[in-house]
Amino acid sequence: MSAVLAPAPAAAPRLSADEAQVVLQQWIAEAEATDARMMRVGPGVATPAQIMGKTGLEQLEAMLAGELPFAPIAQTLDFSLIAVSEGYALFQGRPGPAHFNPMGGVHGGWFATMLDSALGCAVHTLMPAGRGYTTAELSVKYVRGLSPQVGRVRAEGKVLHCGKQLATAEARLFGPDGTLYAHATTTCLVFDLPGTR
């Protein structure tokens, strides 16, 4: 018995420096608008009463609308949630000197945290009210180094499967010119959250 392999997805086209600069300015404007809304409540952790009866997608949409607090790690590492939809999450981050490793490049942990956030939030969008998840496995593949000269990068997460006990997702970290810096996959455990239905 032989397996049928799907063709590999085509790589995103690389943009010219001028085109990438236009994209970067659009990204910055989108992030500023989103951050302004989210700062109405600021960073923190939502209480069970605040999320009672809300699906995961409704919770994330409430964060984006500035109605629920966003995760404090986003301020620490200078990234933020930009968009969500069913099975999808998009984050944007600004790599800077605070994220350097000893060699002066952006630390791999910063890549991993952005990717893990996009992966987890993509899974979160598919959680019904009263259900939650946690990362059981994270696999990151680093493609190239990253420096602050890139300006901003985005981590885009998409769910591959979401069941009653397990969910899997994939994500990629890319720059405004389409350059891929890393990609990742996750397996998440899915479970009931007591007191939130």
N, C-alpha and C. Protein backbone atom coordinates (compact mmCIF):
# COMPACT_ATOMS: atom_id res chain seq x y z
N MET A 1 0.85 -1.18 0.00
CA MET A 1 0.00 0.00 0.00
C MET A 1 0.89 1.24 0.00
N SER A 2 0.67 2.15 -0.91
CA SER A 2 1.49 3.35 -0.96
C SER A 2 0.69 4.56 -0.51
N ALA A 3 1.39 5.48 0.09
CA ALA A 3 0.76 6.72 0.57
C ALA A 3 0.77 7.74 -0.55
N VAL A 4 -0.29 8.51 -0.62
CA VAL A 4 -0.37 9.60 -1.59
C VAL A 4 0.03 10.88 -0.87
N LEU A 5 1.03 11.53 -1.38
CA LEU A 5 1.52 12.76 -0.75
C LEU A 5 0.96 13.97 -1.48
N ALA A 6 0.45 14.91 -0.71
CA ALA A 6 -0.04 16.16 -1.29
C ALA A 6 1.16 17.00 -1.69
N PRO A 7 1.03 17.79 -2.76
CA PRO A 7 2.15 18.65 -3.15
C PRO A 7 2.43 19.69 -2.07
N ALA A 8 3.69 20.01 -1.92
CA ALA A 8 4.07 21.04 -0.93
C ALA A 8 3.49 22.38 -1.34
N PRO A 9 3.04 23.18 -0.35
CA PRO A 9 2.50 24.49 -0.69
C PRO A 9 3.59 25.38 -1.29
N ALA A 10 3.19 26.20 -2.21
CA ALA A 10 4.14 27.12 -2.84
C ALA A 10 4.60 28.17 -1.83
N ALA A 11 5.86 28.52 -1.90
CA ALA A 11 6.40 29.56 -1.01
C ALA A 11 5.78 30.90 -1.37
N ALA A 12 5.59 31.73 -0.36
CA ALA A 12 5.05 33.07 -0.60
C ALA A 12 6.07 33.86 -1.43
N PRO A 13 5.60 34.64 -2.39
CA PRO A 13 6.55 35.42 -3.20
C PRO A 13 7.25 36.48 -2.35
N ARG A 14 8.53 36.67 -2.61
CA ARG A 14 9.29 37.70 -1.91
C ARG A 14 8.98 39.04 -2.55
N LEU A 15 8.82 40.05 -1.72
CA LEU A 15 8.53 41.40 -2.20
C LEU A 15 9.81 42.20 -2.33
N SER A 16 9.77 43.23 -3.15
CA SER A 16 10.91 44.13 -3.26
C SER A 16 11.01 44.94 -1.97
N ALA A 17 12.13 45.62 -1.80
CA ALA A 17 12.33 46.45 -0.60
C ALA A 17 11.25 47.53 -0.49
N ASP A 18 10.90 48.15 -1.60
CA ASP A 18 9.86 49.20 -1.58
C ASP A 18 8.49 48.62 -1.23
N GLU A 19 8.17 47.46 -1.82
CA GLU A 19 6.89 46.82 -1.51
C GLU A 19 6.84 46.38 -0.05
N ALA A 20 7.95 45.85 0.44
CA ALA A 20 8.01 45.41 1.84
C ALA A 20 7.83 46.60 2.79
N GLN A 21 8.36 47.75 2.42
CA GLN A 21 8.22 48.95 3.25
C GLN A 21 6.75 49.36 3.34
N VAL A 22 6.01 49.25 2.25
CA VAL A 22 4.57 49.57 2.25
C VAL A 22 3.84 48.60 3.16
N VAL A 23 4.17 47.31 3.05
CA VAL A 23 3.54 46.29 3.91
C VAL A 23 3.87 46.57 5.37
N LEU A 24 5.12 46.89 5.66
CA LEU A 24 5.53 47.18 7.04
C LEU A 24 4.73 48.35 7.61
N GLN A 25 4.54 49.39 6.85
CA GLN A 25 3.76 50.55 7.33
C GLN A 25 2.30 50.16 7.59
N GLN A 26 1.74 49.29 6.75
CA GLN A 26 0.38 48.79 6.98
C GLN A 26 0.32 47.98 8.27
N TRP A 27 1.31 47.12 8.47
CA TRP A 27 1.36 46.30 9.69
C TRP A 27 1.44 47.18 10.93
N ILE A 28 2.29 48.20 10.88
CA ILE A 28 2.45 49.09 12.02
C ILE A 28 1.13 49.79 12.34
N ALA A 29 0.45 50.28 11.31
CA ALA A 29 -0.84 50.96 11.52
C ALA A 29 -1.88 50.01 12.11
N GLU A 30 -1.95 48.78 11.60
CA GLU A 30 -2.89 47.79 12.14
C GLU A 30 -2.59 47.50 13.60
N ALA A 31 -1.33 47.32 13.93
CA ALA A 31 -0.95 47.01 15.32
C ALA A 31 -1.25 48.17 16.25
N GLU A 32 -0.99 49.40 15.80
CA GLU A 32 -1.28 50.56 16.65
C GLU A 32 -2.77 50.66 16.94
N ALA A 33 -3.62 50.42 15.94
CA ALA A 33 -5.07 50.47 16.15
C ALA A 33 -5.52 49.37 17.11
N THR A 34 -5.01 48.15 16.90
CA THR A 34 -5.37 47.03 17.76
C THR A 34 -4.88 47.26 19.19
N ASP A 35 -3.63 47.69 19.33
CA ASP A 35 -3.07 47.94 20.67
C ASP A 35 -3.85 49.02 21.40
N ALA A 36 -4.29 50.06 20.70
CA ALA A 36 -5.06 51.13 21.35
C ALA A 36 -6.37 50.59 21.92
N ARG A 37 -7.03 49.72 21.16
CA ARG A 37 -8.28 49.11 21.66
C ARG A 37 -7.99 48.21 22.86
N MET A 38 -6.97 47.38 22.74
CA MET A 38 -6.68 46.40 23.79
C MET A 38 -6.23 47.07 25.09
N MET A 39 -5.63 48.24 24.98
CA MET A 39 -5.15 48.93 26.19
C MET A 39 -6.29 49.55 27.00
N ARG A 40 -7.52 49.52 26.49
CA ARG A 40 -8.66 50.00 27.28
C ARG A 40 -8.76 49.22 28.58
N VAL A 41 -8.47 47.93 28.52
CA VAL A 41 -8.47 47.08 29.71
C VAL A 41 -7.04 46.82 30.15
N GLY A 42 -6.13 46.61 29.20
CA GLY A 42 -4.74 46.37 29.52
C GLY A 42 -4.43 44.90 29.75
N PRO A 43 -3.19 44.63 30.19
CA PRO A 43 -2.79 43.24 30.40
C PRO A 43 -3.39 42.68 31.69
N GLY A 44 -3.52 41.38 31.72
CA GLY A 44 -4.04 40.71 32.91
C GLY A 44 -4.60 39.36 32.54
N VAL A 45 -5.34 38.78 33.47
CA VAL A 45 -5.96 37.47 33.26
C VAL A 45 -7.45 37.62 33.54
N ALA A 46 -8.27 37.20 32.59
CA ALA A 46 -9.73 37.29 32.76
C ALA A 46 -10.18 36.38 33.90
N THR A 47 -11.17 36.82 34.64
CA THR A 47 -11.73 36.01 35.71
C THR A 47 -12.71 35.00 35.12
N PRO A 48 -12.99 33.91 35.85
CA PRO A 48 -14.00 32.95 35.36
C PRO A 48 -15.34 33.63 35.07
N ALA A 49 -15.72 34.62 35.86
CA ALA A 49 -16.98 35.32 35.63
C ALA A 49 -16.96 36.08 34.30
N GLN A 50 -15.80 36.64 33.92
CA GLN A 50 -15.69 37.39 32.67
C GLN A 50 -15.80 36.50 31.43
N ILE A 51 -15.39 35.24 31.54
CA ILE A 51 -15.43 34.36 30.37
C ILE A 51 -16.58 33.35 30.42
N MET A 52 -17.36 33.39 31.48
CA MET A 52 -18.49 32.46 31.63
C MET A 52 -19.39 32.50 30.40
N GLY A 53 -19.61 31.32 29.80
CA GLY A 53 -20.51 31.21 28.67
C GLY A 53 -19.95 31.65 27.33
N LYS A 54 -18.71 32.14 27.31
CA LYS A 54 -18.10 32.60 26.05
C LYS A 54 -17.29 31.48 25.41
N THR A 55 -17.41 31.36 24.09
CA THR A 55 -16.54 30.45 23.36
C THR A 55 -15.12 31.04 23.34
N GLY A 56 -14.16 30.22 22.94
CA GLY A 56 -12.80 30.72 22.82
C GLY A 56 -12.70 31.87 21.83
N LEU A 57 -13.40 31.74 20.71
CA LEU A 57 -13.38 32.82 19.71
C LEU A 57 -13.98 34.10 20.29
N GLU A 58 -15.08 33.98 21.02
CA GLU A 58 -15.69 35.16 21.64
C GLU A 58 -14.75 35.80 22.66
N GLN A 59 -13.99 35.00 23.40
CA GLN A 59 -13.03 35.54 24.36
C GLN A 59 -11.94 36.34 23.65
N LEU A 60 -11.38 35.78 22.58
CA LEU A 60 -10.32 36.47 21.85
C LEU A 60 -10.84 37.72 21.15
N GLU A 61 -12.04 37.65 20.61
CA GLU A 61 -12.64 38.84 20.00
C GLU A 61 -12.86 39.92 21.04
N ALA A 62 -13.24 39.53 22.26
CA ALA A 62 -13.41 40.50 23.35
C ALA A 62 -12.07 41.13 23.74
N MET A 63 -10.98 40.36 23.70
CA MET A 63 -9.65 40.93 23.95
C MET A 63 -9.33 41.98 22.89
N LEU A 64 -9.55 41.62 21.62
CA LEU A 64 -9.26 42.55 20.53
C LEU A 64 -10.11 43.82 20.60
N ALA A 65 -11.30 43.70 21.16
CA ALA A 65 -12.20 44.85 21.29
C ALA A 65 -11.90 45.68 22.54
N GLY A 66 -10.96 45.22 23.37
CA GLY A 66 -10.64 45.94 24.60
C GLY A 66 -11.66 45.71 25.70
N GLU A 67 -12.33 44.57 25.67
CA GLU A 67 -13.34 44.25 26.68
C GLU A 67 -12.85 43.24 27.70
N LEU A 68 -11.79 42.50 27.38
CA LEU A 68 -11.14 41.56 28.29
C LEU A 68 -9.65 41.86 28.29
N PRO A 69 -8.96 41.57 29.41
CA PRO A 69 -7.51 41.79 29.43
C PRO A 69 -6.78 40.86 28.48
N PHE A 70 -5.64 41.32 27.99
CA PHE A 70 -4.79 40.48 27.14
C PHE A 70 -3.64 39.93 27.97
N ALA A 71 -2.99 38.88 27.47
CA ALA A 71 -1.93 38.21 28.21
C ALA A 71 -0.74 39.14 28.48
N PRO A 72 -0.28 39.23 29.74
CA PRO A 72 0.85 40.10 30.07
C PRO A 72 2.14 39.77 29.31
N ILE A 73 2.32 38.52 28.89
CA ILE A 73 3.53 38.15 28.15
C ILE A 73 3.68 38.98 26.88
N ALA A 74 2.57 39.43 26.32
CA ALA A 74 2.61 40.22 25.09
C ALA A 74 3.36 41.53 25.31
N GLN A 75 3.16 42.16 26.46
CA GLN A 75 3.90 43.40 26.76
C GLN A 75 5.36 43.10 27.03
N THR A 76 5.61 42.02 27.76
CA THR A 76 6.99 41.66 28.10
C THR A 76 7.84 41.45 26.85
N LEU A 77 7.26 40.76 25.85
CA LEU A 77 8.03 40.40 24.66
C LEU A 77 7.70 41.26 23.43
N ASP A 78 6.88 42.30 23.61
CA ASP A 78 6.56 43.27 22.55
C ASP A 78 5.93 42.62 21.32
N PHE A 79 4.86 41.85 21.56
CA PHE A 79 4.06 41.36 20.45
C PHE A 79 2.60 41.44 20.84
N SER A 80 1.72 41.35 19.85
CA SER A 80 0.29 41.46 20.16
C SER A 80 -0.55 40.67 19.16
N LEU A 81 -1.72 40.30 19.64
CA LEU A 81 -2.72 39.66 18.81
C LEU A 81 -3.25 40.70 17.83
N ILE A 82 -3.37 40.32 16.56
CA ILE A 82 -3.83 41.24 15.52
C ILE A 82 -5.20 40.85 15.00
N ALA A 83 -5.42 39.54 14.79
CA ALA A 83 -6.68 39.08 14.21
C ALA A 83 -6.94 37.63 14.59
N VAL A 84 -8.22 37.28 14.66
CA VAL A 84 -8.64 35.90 14.88
C VAL A 84 -9.87 35.60 14.03
N SER A 85 -10.01 34.35 13.69
CA SER A 85 -11.23 33.83 13.09
C SER A 85 -11.26 32.35 13.46
N GLU A 86 -12.26 31.64 13.01
CA GLU A 86 -12.39 30.25 13.39
C GLU A 86 -11.18 29.44 12.90
N GLY A 87 -10.42 28.89 13.84
CA GLY A 87 -9.25 28.08 13.51
C GLY A 87 -8.03 28.87 13.08
N TYR A 88 -7.98 30.18 13.35
CA TYR A 88 -6.92 31.05 12.86
C TYR A 88 -6.58 32.13 13.88
N ALA A 89 -5.29 32.42 14.02
CA ALA A 89 -4.84 33.53 14.86
C ALA A 89 -3.60 34.16 14.24
N LEU A 90 -3.52 35.49 14.32
CA LEU A 90 -2.40 36.24 13.76
C LEU A 90 -1.83 37.16 14.83
N PHE A 91 -0.53 37.04 15.06
CA PHE A 91 0.20 37.89 15.99
C PHE A 91 1.23 38.70 15.23
N GLN A 92 1.58 39.85 15.80
CA GLN A 92 2.65 40.67 15.24
C GLN A 92 3.59 41.06 16.36
N GLY A 93 4.89 41.00 16.07
CA GLY A 93 5.87 41.35 17.08
C GLY A 93 6.97 42.23 16.53
N ARG A 94 7.62 42.93 17.45
CA ARG A 94 8.73 43.82 17.09
C ARG A 94 9.98 43.32 17.80
N PRO A 95 10.86 42.61 17.08
CA PRO A 95 12.08 42.13 17.71
C PRO A 95 13.00 43.30 18.04
N GLY A 96 13.56 43.29 19.22
CA GLY A 96 14.43 44.38 19.63
C GLY A 96 15.58 43.91 20.50
N PRO A 97 16.45 44.83 20.92
CA PRO A 97 17.63 44.47 21.72
C PRO A 97 17.28 43.73 23.02
N ALA A 98 16.09 43.97 23.58
CA ALA A 98 15.71 43.27 24.80
C ALA A 98 15.52 41.76 24.57
N HIS A 99 15.46 41.36 23.29
CA HIS A 99 15.23 39.95 22.95
C HIS A 99 16.49 39.28 22.41
N PHE A 100 17.63 39.94 22.51
CA PHE A 100 18.88 39.41 21.95
C PHE A 100 19.41 38.22 22.75
N ASN A 101 20.07 37.33 22.02
CA ASN A 101 20.88 36.29 22.64
C ASN A 101 22.30 36.86 22.81
N PRO A 102 23.23 36.12 23.39
CA PRO A 102 24.59 36.67 23.59
C PRO A 102 25.33 37.03 22.31
N MET A 103 24.89 36.52 21.17
CA MET A 103 25.57 36.82 19.91
C MET A 103 24.97 38.02 19.18
N GLY A 104 23.93 38.63 19.77
CA GLY A 104 23.35 39.83 19.16
C GLY A 104 22.22 39.57 18.19
N GLY A 105 21.76 38.33 18.11
CA GLY A 105 20.59 38.00 17.30
C GLY A 105 19.37 37.84 18.19
N VAL A 106 18.20 37.80 17.61
CA VAL A 106 16.98 37.61 18.40
C VAL A 106 16.95 36.16 18.90
N HIS A 107 16.73 36.01 20.20
CA HIS A 107 16.76 34.71 20.86
C HIS A 107 15.68 33.78 20.30
N GLY A 108 16.03 32.52 20.14
CA GLY A 108 15.09 31.53 19.64
C GLY A 108 13.85 31.40 20.50
N GLY A 109 13.96 31.70 21.79
CA GLY A 109 12.80 31.64 22.67
C GLY A 109 11.75 32.67 22.31
N TRP A 110 12.19 33.81 21.77
CA TRP A 110 11.23 34.84 21.33
C TRP A 110 10.45 34.31 20.13
N PHE A 111 11.16 33.69 19.16
CA PHE A 111 10.50 33.06 18.02
C PHE A 111 9.46 32.06 18.53
N ALA A 112 9.92 31.17 19.42
CA ALA A 112 9.07 30.08 19.91
C ALA A 112 7.84 30.60 20.63
N THR A 113 7.99 31.66 21.42
CA THR A 113 6.85 32.20 22.16
C THR A 113 5.83 32.82 21.22
N MET A 114 6.30 33.54 20.21
CA MET A 114 5.35 34.10 19.23
C MET A 114 4.61 33.00 18.50
N LEU A 115 5.35 31.98 18.07
CA LEU A 115 4.72 30.87 17.35
C LEU A 115 3.76 30.10 18.26
N ASP A 116 4.17 29.84 19.50
CA ASP A 116 3.31 29.14 20.45
C ASP A 116 2.03 29.93 20.71
N SER A 117 2.12 31.24 20.76
CA SER A 117 0.94 32.09 20.97
C SER A 117 -0.01 31.98 19.79
N ALA A 118 0.52 32.05 18.57
CA ALA A 118 -0.34 31.93 17.39
C ALA A 118 -0.98 30.55 17.30
N LEU A 119 -0.20 29.52 17.60
CA LEU A 119 -0.72 28.16 17.58
C LEU A 119 -1.82 27.98 18.63
N GLY A 120 -1.52 28.38 19.86
CA GLY A 120 -2.47 28.20 20.95
C GLY A 120 -3.75 28.99 20.73
N CYS A 121 -3.62 30.23 20.29
CA CYS A 121 -4.82 31.04 20.09
C CYS A 121 -5.65 30.54 18.91
N ALA A 122 -5.00 29.97 17.89
CA ALA A 122 -5.76 29.35 16.79
C ALA A 122 -6.62 28.21 17.34
N VAL A 123 -6.04 27.39 18.22
CA VAL A 123 -6.80 26.32 18.88
C VAL A 123 -7.89 26.92 19.77
N HIS A 124 -7.54 27.97 20.50
CA HIS A 124 -8.49 28.64 21.41
C HIS A 124 -9.76 29.06 20.67
N THR A 125 -9.63 29.48 19.42
CA THR A 125 -10.80 29.94 18.66
C THR A 125 -11.84 28.84 18.45
N LEU A 126 -11.43 27.59 18.58
CA LEU A 126 -12.35 26.47 18.35
C LEU A 126 -12.89 25.86 19.64
N MET A 127 -12.54 26.46 20.78
CA MET A 127 -13.02 25.93 22.05
C MET A 127 -14.45 26.39 22.31
N PRO A 128 -15.37 25.45 22.57
CA PRO A 128 -16.71 25.87 22.99
C PRO A 128 -16.64 26.43 24.41
N ALA A 129 -17.69 27.09 24.84
CA ALA A 129 -17.74 27.61 26.21
C ALA A 129 -17.48 26.47 27.19
N GLY A 130 -16.63 26.73 28.17
CA GLY A 130 -16.33 25.75 29.20
C GLY A 130 -15.22 24.77 28.86
N ARG A 131 -14.59 24.94 27.69
CA ARG A 131 -13.49 24.05 27.30
C ARG A 131 -12.21 24.86 27.18
N GLY A 132 -11.10 24.22 27.51
CA GLY A 132 -9.80 24.87 27.43
C GLY A 132 -8.77 23.92 26.84
N TYR A 133 -7.53 24.35 26.81
CA TYR A 133 -6.46 23.56 26.20
C TYR A 133 -5.14 23.93 26.86
N THR A 134 -4.15 23.10 26.67
CA THR A 134 -2.79 23.44 27.06
C THR A 134 -1.84 22.78 26.06
N THR A 135 -0.70 23.40 25.85
CA THR A 135 0.29 22.86 24.91
C THR A 135 0.91 21.61 25.50
N ALA A 136 0.85 20.51 24.75
CA ALA A 136 1.50 19.26 25.16
C ALA A 136 2.83 19.09 24.44
N GLU A 137 2.92 19.64 23.23
CA GLU A 137 4.14 19.50 22.43
C GLU A 137 4.25 20.71 21.50
N LEU A 138 5.46 21.23 21.41
CA LEU A 138 5.75 22.34 20.51
C LEU A 138 7.03 22.00 19.76
N SER A 139 6.97 22.05 18.44
CA SER A 139 8.15 21.78 17.62
C SER A 139 8.40 23.01 16.74
N VAL A 140 9.56 23.61 16.90
CA VAL A 140 9.91 24.82 16.14
C VAL A 140 11.09 24.51 15.23
N LYS A 141 10.96 24.93 14.00
CA LYS A 141 12.05 24.82 13.02
C LYS A 141 12.51 26.23 12.67
N TYR A 142 13.76 26.55 12.99
CA TYR A 142 14.31 27.86 12.71
C TYR A 142 14.94 27.85 11.32
N VAL A 143 14.50 28.77 10.48
CA VAL A 143 14.96 28.82 9.09
C VAL A 143 16.11 29.81 8.92
N ARG A 144 16.00 30.97 9.57
CA ARG A 144 17.07 31.96 9.48
C ARG A 144 17.02 32.88 10.70
N GLY A 145 18.14 33.56 10.95
CA GLY A 145 18.22 34.48 12.07
C GLY A 145 17.39 35.74 11.83
N LEU A 146 17.13 36.43 12.92
CA LEU A 146 16.28 37.62 12.87
C LEU A 146 16.96 38.75 13.62
N SER A 147 16.91 39.94 13.05
CA SER A 147 17.48 41.12 13.71
C SER A 147 16.41 42.22 13.75
N PRO A 148 16.59 43.23 14.60
CA PRO A 148 15.63 44.32 14.68
C PRO A 148 15.47 45.10 13.38
N GLN A 149 16.42 44.99 12.44
CA GLN A 149 16.32 45.70 11.17
C GLN A 149 15.08 45.26 10.37
N VAL A 150 14.55 44.08 10.67
CA VAL A 150 13.36 43.60 9.97
C VAL A 150 12.16 44.46 10.33
N GLY A 151 12.15 45.05 11.50
CA GLY A 151 11.07 45.95 11.93
C GLY A 151 9.96 45.23 12.63
N ARG A 152 9.24 44.39 11.93
CA ARG A 152 8.13 43.61 12.51
C ARG A 152 8.11 42.24 11.84
N VAL A 153 7.60 41.28 12.56
CA VAL A 153 7.31 39.97 11.99
C VAL A 153 5.92 39.55 12.43
N ARG A 154 5.36 38.63 11.68
CA ARG A 154 4.04 38.10 12.03
C ARG A 154 4.12 36.59 12.20
N ALA A 155 3.33 36.09 13.14
CA ALA A 155 3.16 34.66 13.36
C ALA A 155 1.71 34.33 13.07
N GLU A 156 1.52 33.44 12.12
CA GLU A 156 0.18 33.08 11.66
C GLU A 156 -0.05 31.62 12.01
N GLY A 157 -1.08 31.35 12.84
CA GLY A 157 -1.39 29.99 13.25
C GLY A 157 -2.69 29.50 12.66
N LYS A 158 -2.71 28.22 12.25
CA LYS A 158 -3.90 27.61 11.67
C LYS A 158 -4.09 26.22 12.27
N VAL A 159 -5.32 25.90 12.65
CA VAL A 159 -5.63 24.60 13.21
C VAL A 159 -5.70 23.56 12.10
N LEU A 160 -5.09 22.42 12.34
CA LEU A 160 -5.16 21.29 11.41
C LEU A 160 -6.25 20.31 11.84
N HIS A 161 -6.40 20.12 13.15
CA HIS A 161 -7.39 19.19 13.70
C HIS A 161 -7.76 19.65 15.10
N CYS A 162 -9.04 19.57 15.42
CA CYS A 162 -9.48 19.86 16.79
C CYS A 162 -10.54 18.84 17.18
N GLY A 163 -10.18 17.97 18.12
CA GLY A 163 -11.09 16.94 18.60
C GLY A 163 -11.46 17.18 20.05
N LYS A 164 -12.06 16.17 20.67
CA LYS A 164 -12.51 16.30 22.06
C LYS A 164 -11.35 16.25 23.06
N GLN A 165 -10.24 15.63 22.67
CA GLN A 165 -9.11 15.50 23.59
C GLN A 165 -7.81 16.11 23.07
N LEU A 166 -7.65 16.17 21.76
CA LEU A 166 -6.42 16.68 21.17
C LEU A 166 -6.71 17.66 20.05
N ALA A 167 -5.82 18.63 19.91
CA ALA A 167 -5.87 19.56 18.78
C ALA A 167 -4.46 19.70 18.24
N THR A 168 -4.34 19.88 16.94
CA THR A 168 -3.03 20.13 16.33
C THR A 168 -3.14 21.37 15.46
N ALA A 169 -2.02 22.07 15.34
CA ALA A 169 -1.99 23.30 14.56
C ALA A 169 -0.59 23.52 14.00
N GLU A 170 -0.51 24.40 13.00
CA GLU A 170 0.78 24.77 12.43
C GLU A 170 0.86 26.29 12.34
N ALA A 171 2.07 26.82 12.35
CA ALA A 171 2.25 28.27 12.27
C ALA A 171 3.55 28.58 11.55
N ARG A 172 3.62 29.81 11.05
CA ARG A 172 4.85 30.29 10.43
C ARG A 172 5.12 31.71 10.88
N LEU A 173 6.39 32.04 10.98
CA LEU A 173 6.85 33.38 11.38
C LEU A 173 7.53 34.00 10.16
N PHE A 174 7.03 35.16 9.71
CA PHE A 174 7.51 35.74 8.46
C PHE A 174 7.60 37.26 8.57
N GLY A 175 8.41 37.84 7.71
CA GLY A 175 8.60 39.28 7.68
C GLY A 175 7.73 39.95 6.63
N PRO A 176 7.75 41.28 6.57
CA PRO A 176 6.91 42.03 5.64
C PRO A 176 7.22 41.77 4.17
N ASP A 177 8.42 41.28 3.88
CA ASP A 177 8.76 40.97 2.49
C ASP A 177 8.45 39.53 2.13
N GLY A 178 7.86 38.77 3.06
CA GLY A 178 7.52 37.37 2.83
C GLY A 178 8.57 36.39 3.28
N THR A 179 9.71 36.87 3.78
CA THR A 179 10.77 35.97 4.24
C THR A 179 10.28 35.12 5.40
N LEU A 180 10.50 33.82 5.32
CA LEU A 180 10.15 32.90 6.40
C LEU A 180 11.33 32.81 7.37
N TYR A 181 11.07 33.01 8.67
CA TYR A 181 12.11 32.92 9.69
C TYR A 181 12.01 31.63 10.49
N ALA A 182 10.81 31.12 10.67
CA ALA A 182 10.63 29.87 11.42
C ALA A 182 9.22 29.35 11.16
N HIS A 183 9.04 28.07 11.43
CA HIS A 183 7.70 27.48 11.38
C HIS A 183 7.59 26.47 12.51
N ALA A 184 6.36 26.14 12.88
CA ALA A 184 6.17 25.30 14.05
C ALA A 184 4.88 24.50 13.96
N THR A 185 4.83 23.44 14.77
CA THR A 185 3.60 22.68 14.94
C THR A 185 3.38 22.47 16.44
N THR A 186 2.14 22.19 16.79
CA THR A 186 1.82 21.92 18.18
C THR A 186 0.79 20.82 18.29
N THR A 187 0.82 20.15 19.43
CA THR A 187 -0.26 19.27 19.86
C THR A 187 -0.74 19.82 21.19
N CYS A 188 -2.04 20.04 21.30
CA CYS A 188 -2.63 20.57 22.53
C CYS A 188 -3.60 19.57 23.13
N LEU A 189 -3.60 19.48 24.45
CA LEU A 189 -4.59 18.69 25.17
C LEU A 189 -5.81 19.57 25.37
N VAL A 190 -7.00 19.02 25.15
CA VAL A 190 -8.26 19.76 25.28
C VAL A 190 -9.04 19.17 26.45
N PHE A 191 -9.63 20.04 27.28
CA PHE A 191 -10.28 19.56 28.50
C PHE A 191 -11.38 20.53 28.95
N ASP A 192 -12.18 20.07 29.91
CA ASP A 192 -13.21 20.92 30.51
C ASP A 192 -12.59 21.88 31.49
N LEU A 193 -13.08 23.12 31.52
CA LEU A 193 -12.67 24.12 32.50
C LEU A 193 -13.76 24.20 33.58
N PRO A 194 -13.45 23.86 34.80
CA PRO A 194 -14.49 23.91 35.83
C PRO A 194 -15.01 25.32 36.06
N GLY A 195 -16.31 25.45 36.20
CA GLY A 195 -16.93 26.72 36.57
C GLY A 195 -16.99 27.79 35.50
N THR A 196 -16.88 27.41 34.20
CA THR A 196 -16.91 28.44 33.16
C THR A 196 -17.98 28.19 32.10
N ARG A 197 -18.88 27.27 32.34
CA ARG A 197 -19.92 26.99 31.32
C ARG A 197 -21.05 27.92 31.47
